[in-house]
Amino acid sequence: GLLIMTDDGEAANALMHPAREVEKVYRVTVKGPVSPAQLEKMRSVTELEGRPVRKPRVDILGGDEGATRLRFVIHEGRNREIRRICAAAGLEVSRLVRVAEGELRLGELPRGKWRELTRAELEYIRGLVSRPGGAEKG
């Protein structure tokens, strides 16, 4: 999945700090079918382990009897947040891949490969750094 490596602390903070509300998009595969009730439970979660969380956007991308592919959009990305949301709905995650963070996209980059950010991506991050902490919808 998408990993962003930097030695720029301000850039890292701008991407990760919850106040920036940078959207993190994941492709998630869960075992088995997802019922309407399970989907609603994932979409309506407001607390995990006693801490408040913003409701995720969750959409079904497809699947079959053996597995269902989901698209999750979250804003914080706490440790194992998506796995915990799925578990609370009675679902087991078999695969989880971050495909975007704000305007930064994984695209068709092969597994295990890396690339430098484009000029546009660098400008996007600089824009986040210069912003005083308002909402960012990527």
N, C-alpha and C. Protein backbone atom coordinates (compact mmCIF):
# COMPACT_ATOMS: atom_id res chain seq x y z
N GLY A 1 0.81 -1.19 0.00
CA GLY A 1 0.00 0.00 0.00
C GLY A 1 0.85 1.25 0.00
N LEU A 2 0.21 2.36 0.00
CA LEU A 2 0.86 3.66 -0.05
C LEU A 2 1.55 3.97 1.26
N LEU A 3 2.87 4.19 1.19
CA LEU A 3 3.66 4.65 2.33
C LEU A 3 4.38 5.91 1.88
N ILE A 4 4.39 6.90 2.72
CA ILE A 4 5.07 8.15 2.40
C ILE A 4 6.26 8.28 3.33
N MET A 5 7.45 8.34 2.75
CA MET A 5 8.68 8.43 3.53
C MET A 5 9.22 9.85 3.40
N THR A 6 9.50 10.48 4.54
CA THR A 6 10.04 11.83 4.52
C THR A 6 10.87 12.08 5.76
N ASP A 7 11.82 13.00 5.63
CA ASP A 7 12.56 13.46 6.80
C ASP A 7 12.11 14.88 7.18
N ASP A 8 11.01 15.33 6.58
CA ASP A 8 10.44 16.65 6.84
C ASP A 8 9.32 16.51 7.86
N GLY A 9 9.62 16.86 9.10
CA GLY A 9 8.66 16.72 10.19
C GLY A 9 7.39 17.52 9.99
N GLU A 10 7.51 18.72 9.42
CA GLU A 10 6.31 19.54 9.18
C GLU A 10 5.40 18.88 8.14
N ALA A 11 6.00 18.32 7.10
CA ALA A 11 5.21 17.64 6.07
C ALA A 11 4.51 16.42 6.65
N ALA A 12 5.25 15.63 7.43
CA ALA A 12 4.66 14.44 8.04
C ALA A 12 3.50 14.83 8.96
N ASN A 13 3.70 15.86 9.77
CA ASN A 13 2.65 16.31 10.67
C ASN A 13 1.43 16.80 9.90
N ALA A 14 1.66 17.53 8.81
CA ALA A 14 0.55 18.05 8.02
C ALA A 14 -0.29 16.93 7.44
N LEU A 15 0.34 15.82 7.05
CA LEU A 15 -0.40 14.69 6.49
C LEU A 15 -1.10 13.87 7.57
N MET A 16 -0.49 13.76 8.74
CA MET A 16 -0.99 12.84 9.76
C MET A 16 -1.90 13.46 10.80
N HIS A 17 -1.76 14.74 11.09
CA HIS A 17 -2.50 15.33 12.20
C HIS A 17 -4.00 15.34 11.92
N PRO A 18 -4.79 14.82 12.86
CA PRO A 18 -6.24 14.73 12.66
C PRO A 18 -6.91 16.07 12.36
N ALA A 19 -6.37 17.17 12.87
CA ALA A 19 -6.98 18.48 12.63
C ALA A 19 -6.98 18.85 11.15
N ARG A 20 -6.07 18.29 10.38
CA ARG A 20 -6.01 18.58 8.94
C ARG A 20 -7.09 17.83 8.17
N GLU A 21 -7.60 16.77 8.75
CA GLU A 21 -8.65 15.95 8.13
C GLU A 21 -8.29 15.46 6.73
N VAL A 22 -7.04 15.08 6.55
CA VAL A 22 -6.61 14.53 5.27
C VAL A 22 -7.24 13.14 5.12
N GLU A 23 -7.96 12.93 4.03
CA GLU A 23 -8.62 11.64 3.82
C GLU A 23 -7.61 10.56 3.49
N LYS A 24 -7.77 9.42 4.13
CA LYS A 24 -6.97 8.23 3.86
C LYS A 24 -7.92 7.19 3.27
N VAL A 25 -7.59 6.70 2.09
CA VAL A 25 -8.48 5.78 1.37
C VAL A 25 -7.84 4.40 1.33
N TYR A 26 -8.62 3.39 1.68
CA TYR A 26 -8.14 2.02 1.74
C TYR A 26 -9.04 1.11 0.92
N ARG A 27 -8.43 0.12 0.28
CA ARG A 27 -9.16 -1.01 -0.31
C ARG A 27 -9.03 -2.14 0.70
N VAL A 28 -10.16 -2.65 1.13
CA VAL A 28 -10.19 -3.66 2.18
C VAL A 28 -10.94 -4.88 1.68
N THR A 29 -10.39 -6.05 1.92
CA THR A 29 -11.09 -7.30 1.62
C THR A 29 -11.41 -7.98 2.94
N VAL A 30 -12.69 -8.33 3.11
CA VAL A 30 -13.12 -9.06 4.30
C VAL A 30 -13.61 -10.43 3.88
N LYS A 31 -13.52 -11.37 4.80
CA LYS A 31 -13.97 -12.73 4.51
C LYS A 31 -15.49 -12.78 4.51
N GLY A 32 -16.04 -13.44 3.49
CA GLY A 32 -17.48 -13.66 3.40
C GLY A 32 -18.25 -12.44 2.91
N PRO A 33 -19.58 -12.60 2.83
CA PRO A 33 -20.44 -11.50 2.39
C PRO A 33 -20.62 -10.47 3.52
N VAL A 34 -21.01 -9.26 3.15
CA VAL A 34 -21.30 -8.20 4.11
C VAL A 34 -22.79 -7.90 4.03
N SER A 35 -23.47 -8.04 5.15
CA SER A 35 -24.91 -7.78 5.19
C SER A 35 -25.17 -6.28 5.27
N PRO A 36 -26.39 -5.85 4.93
CA PRO A 36 -26.74 -4.43 5.09
C PRO A 36 -26.55 -3.96 6.54
N ALA A 37 -26.86 -4.81 7.51
CA ALA A 37 -26.70 -4.43 8.92
C ALA A 37 -25.22 -4.24 9.27
N GLN A 38 -24.36 -5.12 8.75
CA GLN A 38 -22.92 -4.97 9.01
C GLN A 38 -22.38 -3.70 8.37
N LEU A 39 -22.82 -3.41 7.15
CA LEU A 39 -22.38 -2.20 6.46
C LEU A 39 -22.80 -0.97 7.26
N GLU A 40 -24.03 -0.95 7.73
CA GLU A 40 -24.51 0.19 8.53
C GLU A 40 -23.74 0.31 9.83
N LYS A 41 -23.41 -0.81 10.45
CA LYS A 41 -22.65 -0.77 11.71
C LYS A 41 -21.28 -0.14 11.48
N MET A 42 -20.61 -0.51 10.37
CA MET A 42 -19.30 0.08 10.07
C MET A 42 -19.43 1.58 9.79
N ARG A 43 -20.47 1.96 9.08
CA ARG A 43 -20.66 3.38 8.72
C ARG A 43 -21.05 4.25 9.90
N SER A 44 -21.60 3.66 10.94
CA SER A 44 -22.13 4.46 12.05
C SER A 44 -21.25 4.44 13.30
N VAL A 45 -20.09 3.80 13.24
CA VAL A 45 -19.21 3.75 14.42
C VAL A 45 -18.77 5.17 14.81
N THR A 46 -18.88 5.47 16.09
CA THR A 46 -18.46 6.79 16.59
C THR A 46 -17.43 6.68 17.70
N GLU A 47 -17.16 5.44 18.13
CA GLU A 47 -16.22 5.23 19.22
C GLU A 47 -15.50 3.90 19.03
N LEU A 48 -14.20 3.91 19.30
CA LEU A 48 -13.40 2.69 19.29
C LEU A 48 -12.57 2.65 20.56
N GLU A 49 -12.72 1.59 21.31
CA GLU A 49 -11.97 1.41 22.55
C GLU A 49 -12.07 2.62 23.46
N GLY A 50 -13.30 3.16 23.57
CA GLY A 50 -13.54 4.27 24.48
C GLY A 50 -13.13 5.64 23.97
N ARG A 51 -12.62 5.71 22.74
CA ARG A 51 -12.19 7.00 22.18
C ARG A 51 -13.08 7.35 20.99
N PRO A 52 -13.48 8.62 20.88
CA PRO A 52 -14.33 9.01 19.75
C PRO A 52 -13.58 8.94 18.42
N VAL A 53 -14.29 8.55 17.37
CA VAL A 53 -13.74 8.54 16.01
C VAL A 53 -14.78 9.14 15.07
N ARG A 54 -14.29 9.72 13.98
CA ARG A 54 -15.21 10.19 12.94
C ARG A 54 -15.75 8.99 12.20
N LYS A 55 -17.01 9.07 11.83
CA LYS A 55 -17.61 7.98 11.07
C LYS A 55 -16.86 7.80 9.76
N PRO A 56 -16.50 6.57 9.42
CA PRO A 56 -15.85 6.33 8.13
C PRO A 56 -16.88 6.30 7.01
N ARG A 57 -16.42 6.55 5.79
CA ARG A 57 -17.25 6.27 4.62
C ARG A 57 -16.87 4.87 4.18
N VAL A 58 -17.85 4.03 4.00
CA VAL A 58 -17.61 2.64 3.61
C VAL A 58 -18.53 2.30 2.45
N ASP A 59 -17.94 1.79 1.37
CA ASP A 59 -18.71 1.38 0.20
C ASP A 59 -18.30 -0.03 -0.20
N ILE A 60 -19.25 -0.80 -0.68
CA ILE A 60 -18.95 -2.13 -1.20
C ILE A 60 -18.52 -1.98 -2.66
N LEU A 61 -17.34 -2.51 -2.97
CA LEU A 61 -16.81 -2.48 -4.34
C LEU A 61 -17.20 -3.71 -5.13
N GLY A 62 -17.42 -4.82 -4.43
CA GLY A 62 -17.78 -6.06 -5.11
C GLY A 62 -17.39 -7.25 -4.25
N GLY A 63 -17.52 -8.42 -4.83
CA GLY A 63 -17.15 -9.61 -4.10
C GLY A 63 -18.00 -10.80 -4.50
N ASP A 64 -17.87 -11.85 -3.71
CA ASP A 64 -18.62 -13.08 -3.92
C ASP A 64 -18.88 -13.70 -2.55
N GLU A 65 -19.29 -14.94 -2.52
CA GLU A 65 -19.59 -15.59 -1.24
C GLU A 65 -18.35 -15.71 -0.35
N GLY A 66 -17.18 -15.82 -0.97
CA GLY A 66 -15.96 -16.03 -0.18
C GLY A 66 -15.35 -14.77 0.39
N ALA A 67 -15.58 -13.62 -0.25
CA ALA A 67 -14.96 -12.38 0.20
C ALA A 67 -15.70 -11.18 -0.38
N THR A 68 -15.58 -10.05 0.32
CA THR A 68 -16.18 -8.80 -0.13
C THR A 68 -15.10 -7.73 -0.13
N ARG A 69 -15.05 -6.94 -1.22
CA ARG A 69 -14.10 -5.83 -1.33
C ARG A 69 -14.81 -4.54 -0.95
N LEU A 70 -14.18 -3.79 -0.06
CA LEU A 70 -14.74 -2.54 0.45
C LEU A 70 -13.79 -1.38 0.17
N ARG A 71 -14.34 -0.19 0.14
CA ARG A 71 -13.55 1.05 0.08
C ARG A 71 -13.85 1.81 1.36
N PHE A 72 -12.82 2.07 2.15
CA PHE A 72 -12.93 2.83 3.40
C PHE A 72 -12.28 4.19 3.21
N VAL A 73 -12.92 5.23 3.71
CA VAL A 73 -12.31 6.55 3.77
C VAL A 73 -12.36 6.99 5.22
N ILE A 74 -11.17 7.21 5.80
CA ILE A 74 -11.06 7.65 7.19
C ILE A 74 -10.18 8.90 7.23
N HIS A 75 -10.12 9.52 8.40
CA HIS A 75 -9.36 10.76 8.52
C HIS A 75 -8.20 10.67 9.50
N GLU A 76 -8.21 9.71 10.40
CA GLU A 76 -7.13 9.62 11.38
C GLU A 76 -6.15 8.50 11.06
N GLY A 77 -6.62 7.32 10.85
CA GLY A 77 -5.73 6.20 10.60
C GLY A 77 -5.05 5.69 11.86
N ARG A 78 -5.80 5.65 12.95
CA ARG A 78 -5.25 5.08 14.19
C ARG A 78 -4.83 3.64 13.97
N ASN A 79 -3.98 3.16 14.84
CA ASN A 79 -3.47 1.80 14.74
C ASN A 79 -4.62 0.79 14.67
N ARG A 80 -4.68 0.05 13.59
CA ARG A 80 -5.65 -1.02 13.37
C ARG A 80 -7.11 -0.53 13.39
N GLU A 81 -7.33 0.74 13.11
CA GLU A 81 -8.67 1.33 13.16
C GLU A 81 -9.66 0.59 12.26
N ILE A 82 -9.29 0.35 11.02
CA ILE A 82 -10.21 -0.31 10.09
C ILE A 82 -10.46 -1.75 10.52
N ARG A 83 -9.42 -2.45 10.93
CA ARG A 83 -9.60 -3.83 11.40
C ARG A 83 -10.55 -3.88 12.60
N ARG A 84 -10.44 -2.92 13.49
CA ARG A 84 -11.31 -2.88 14.67
C ARG A 84 -12.76 -2.55 14.28
N ILE A 85 -12.93 -1.64 13.32
CA ILE A 85 -14.28 -1.31 12.86
C ILE A 85 -14.92 -2.55 12.24
N CYS A 86 -14.17 -3.26 11.42
CA CYS A 86 -14.69 -4.48 10.79
C CYS A 86 -15.01 -5.54 11.83
N ALA A 87 -14.11 -5.72 12.79
CA ALA A 87 -14.33 -6.72 13.84
C ALA A 87 -15.59 -6.41 14.64
N ALA A 88 -15.84 -5.13 14.91
CA ALA A 88 -17.04 -4.73 15.65
C ALA A 88 -18.31 -5.08 14.87
N ALA A 89 -18.18 -5.18 13.54
CA ALA A 89 -19.32 -5.56 12.70
C ALA A 89 -19.34 -7.06 12.43
N GLY A 90 -18.44 -7.81 13.08
CA GLY A 90 -18.40 -9.26 12.90
C GLY A 90 -17.69 -9.70 11.63
N LEU A 91 -16.78 -8.87 11.12
CA LEU A 91 -16.07 -9.19 9.88
C LEU A 91 -14.57 -9.31 10.13
N GLU A 92 -13.94 -10.20 9.38
CA GLU A 92 -12.50 -10.41 9.49
C GLU A 92 -11.81 -9.88 8.23
N VAL A 93 -10.85 -9.00 8.42
CA VAL A 93 -10.10 -8.43 7.30
C VAL A 93 -9.05 -9.43 6.83
N SER A 94 -9.04 -9.71 5.53
CA SER A 94 -8.00 -10.58 4.97
C SER A 94 -6.96 -9.79 4.19
N ARG A 95 -7.31 -8.56 3.76
CA ARG A 95 -6.35 -7.72 3.03
C ARG A 95 -6.74 -6.26 3.22
N LEU A 96 -5.71 -5.42 3.39
CA LEU A 96 -5.94 -4.00 3.59
C LEU A 96 -4.82 -3.24 2.90
N VAL A 97 -5.16 -2.35 1.97
CA VAL A 97 -4.16 -1.61 1.20
C VAL A 97 -4.56 -0.13 1.18
N ARG A 98 -3.64 0.74 1.66
CA ARG A 98 -3.91 2.18 1.54
C ARG A 98 -3.62 2.57 0.10
N VAL A 99 -4.60 3.21 -0.55
CA VAL A 99 -4.45 3.58 -1.96
C VAL A 99 -4.34 5.09 -2.16
N ALA A 100 -4.67 5.88 -1.14
CA ALA A 100 -4.55 7.33 -1.27
C ALA A 100 -4.47 7.98 0.10
N GLU A 101 -3.78 9.11 0.14
CA GLU A 101 -3.73 9.95 1.33
C GLU A 101 -3.82 11.38 0.82
N GLY A 102 -4.99 11.98 1.02
CA GLY A 102 -5.22 13.29 0.41
C GLY A 102 -5.13 13.16 -1.09
N GLU A 103 -4.32 14.02 -1.72
CA GLU A 103 -4.15 13.98 -3.17
C GLU A 103 -3.03 13.05 -3.62
N LEU A 104 -2.39 12.37 -2.69
CA LEU A 104 -1.32 11.43 -3.02
C LEU A 104 -1.94 10.06 -3.30
N ARG A 105 -1.67 9.52 -4.47
CA ARG A 105 -2.30 8.26 -4.91
C ARG A 105 -1.26 7.18 -5.16
N LEU A 106 -1.59 5.95 -4.79
CA LEU A 106 -0.73 4.81 -5.08
C LEU A 106 -0.67 4.56 -6.57
N GLY A 107 -1.80 4.65 -7.24
CA GLY A 107 -1.83 4.43 -8.69
C GLY A 107 -1.41 3.01 -9.04
N GLU A 108 -0.66 2.87 -10.10
CA GLU A 108 -0.25 1.55 -10.60
C GLU A 108 1.16 1.17 -10.17
N LEU A 109 1.68 1.78 -9.12
CA LEU A 109 3.02 1.47 -8.66
C LEU A 109 3.09 0.00 -8.24
N PRO A 110 4.01 -0.78 -8.83
CA PRO A 110 4.10 -2.20 -8.48
C PRO A 110 4.49 -2.40 -7.01
N ARG A 111 4.05 -3.51 -6.47
CA ARG A 111 4.36 -3.88 -5.10
C ARG A 111 5.87 -3.89 -4.89
N GLY A 112 6.31 -3.30 -3.80
CA GLY A 112 7.73 -3.29 -3.46
C GLY A 112 8.53 -2.21 -4.16
N LYS A 113 7.90 -1.42 -5.02
CA LYS A 113 8.61 -0.37 -5.75
C LYS A 113 8.34 0.99 -5.10
N TRP A 114 9.15 1.98 -5.47
CA TRP A 114 8.98 3.31 -4.93
C TRP A 114 9.19 4.34 -6.03
N ARG A 115 8.75 5.56 -5.75
CA ARG A 115 8.99 6.67 -6.67
C ARG A 115 9.05 7.95 -5.86
N GLU A 116 9.68 8.96 -6.45
CA GLU A 116 9.69 10.27 -5.81
C GLU A 116 8.36 10.97 -6.10
N LEU A 117 8.01 11.89 -5.23
CA LEU A 117 6.78 12.66 -5.43
C LEU A 117 6.93 13.57 -6.64
N THR A 118 5.82 13.80 -7.31
CA THR A 118 5.81 14.73 -8.44
C THR A 118 5.82 16.16 -7.90
N ARG A 119 6.08 17.10 -8.78
CA ARG A 119 6.05 18.52 -8.38
C ARG A 119 4.67 18.88 -7.82
N ALA A 120 3.61 18.41 -8.47
CA ALA A 120 2.25 18.71 -8.00
C ALA A 120 2.01 18.12 -6.61
N GLU A 121 2.50 16.92 -6.36
CA GLU A 121 2.33 16.30 -5.04
C GLU A 121 3.10 17.08 -3.97
N LEU A 122 4.31 17.53 -4.31
CA LEU A 122 5.08 18.34 -3.36
C LEU A 122 4.37 19.65 -3.06
N GLU A 123 3.80 20.28 -4.08
CA GLU A 123 3.06 21.53 -3.88
C GLU A 123 1.84 21.29 -2.99
N TYR A 124 1.17 20.16 -3.17
CA TYR A 124 0.03 19.80 -2.33
C TYR A 124 0.46 19.74 -0.86
N ILE A 125 1.58 19.06 -0.59
CA ILE A 125 2.07 18.94 0.79
C ILE A 125 2.49 20.30 1.33
N ARG A 126 3.17 21.10 0.52
CA ARG A 126 3.55 22.46 0.96
C ARG A 126 2.30 23.28 1.32
N GLY A 127 1.24 23.09 0.55
CA GLY A 127 -0.01 23.77 0.85
C GLY A 127 -0.59 23.35 2.19
N LEU A 128 -0.48 22.07 2.50
CA LEU A 128 -0.94 21.58 3.81
C LEU A 128 -0.12 22.19 4.93
N VAL A 129 1.20 22.24 4.73
CA VAL A 129 2.10 22.77 5.75
C VAL A 129 1.79 24.24 6.02
N SER A 130 1.51 25.00 4.98
CA SER A 130 1.29 26.44 5.14
C SER A 130 -0.10 26.77 5.68
N ARG A 131 -1.00 25.80 5.65
CA ARG A 131 -2.36 26.01 6.15
C ARG A 131 -2.35 25.99 7.67
N PRO A 132 -3.15 26.85 8.32
CA PRO A 132 -3.13 26.92 9.78
C PRO A 132 -3.83 25.78 10.50
N GLY A 133 -4.25 24.73 9.82
CA GLY A 133 -4.85 23.59 10.52
C GLY A 133 -6.29 23.36 10.18
N GLY A 134 -6.79 24.02 9.15
CA GLY A 134 -8.18 23.84 8.76
C GLY A 134 -8.41 22.51 8.09
N ALA A 135 -9.65 22.25 7.74
CA ALA A 135 -10.03 20.97 7.14
C ALA A 135 -9.44 20.83 5.75
N GLU A 136 -9.00 19.63 5.44
CA GLU A 136 -8.46 19.29 4.12
C GLU A 136 -9.22 18.09 3.60
N LYS A 137 -9.83 18.22 2.48
CA LYS A 137 -10.54 17.10 1.85
C LYS A 137 -9.79 16.74 0.59
N GLY A 138 -9.09 15.58 0.60
CA GLY A 138 -8.22 15.23 -0.52
C GLY A 138 -8.79 14.32 -1.51
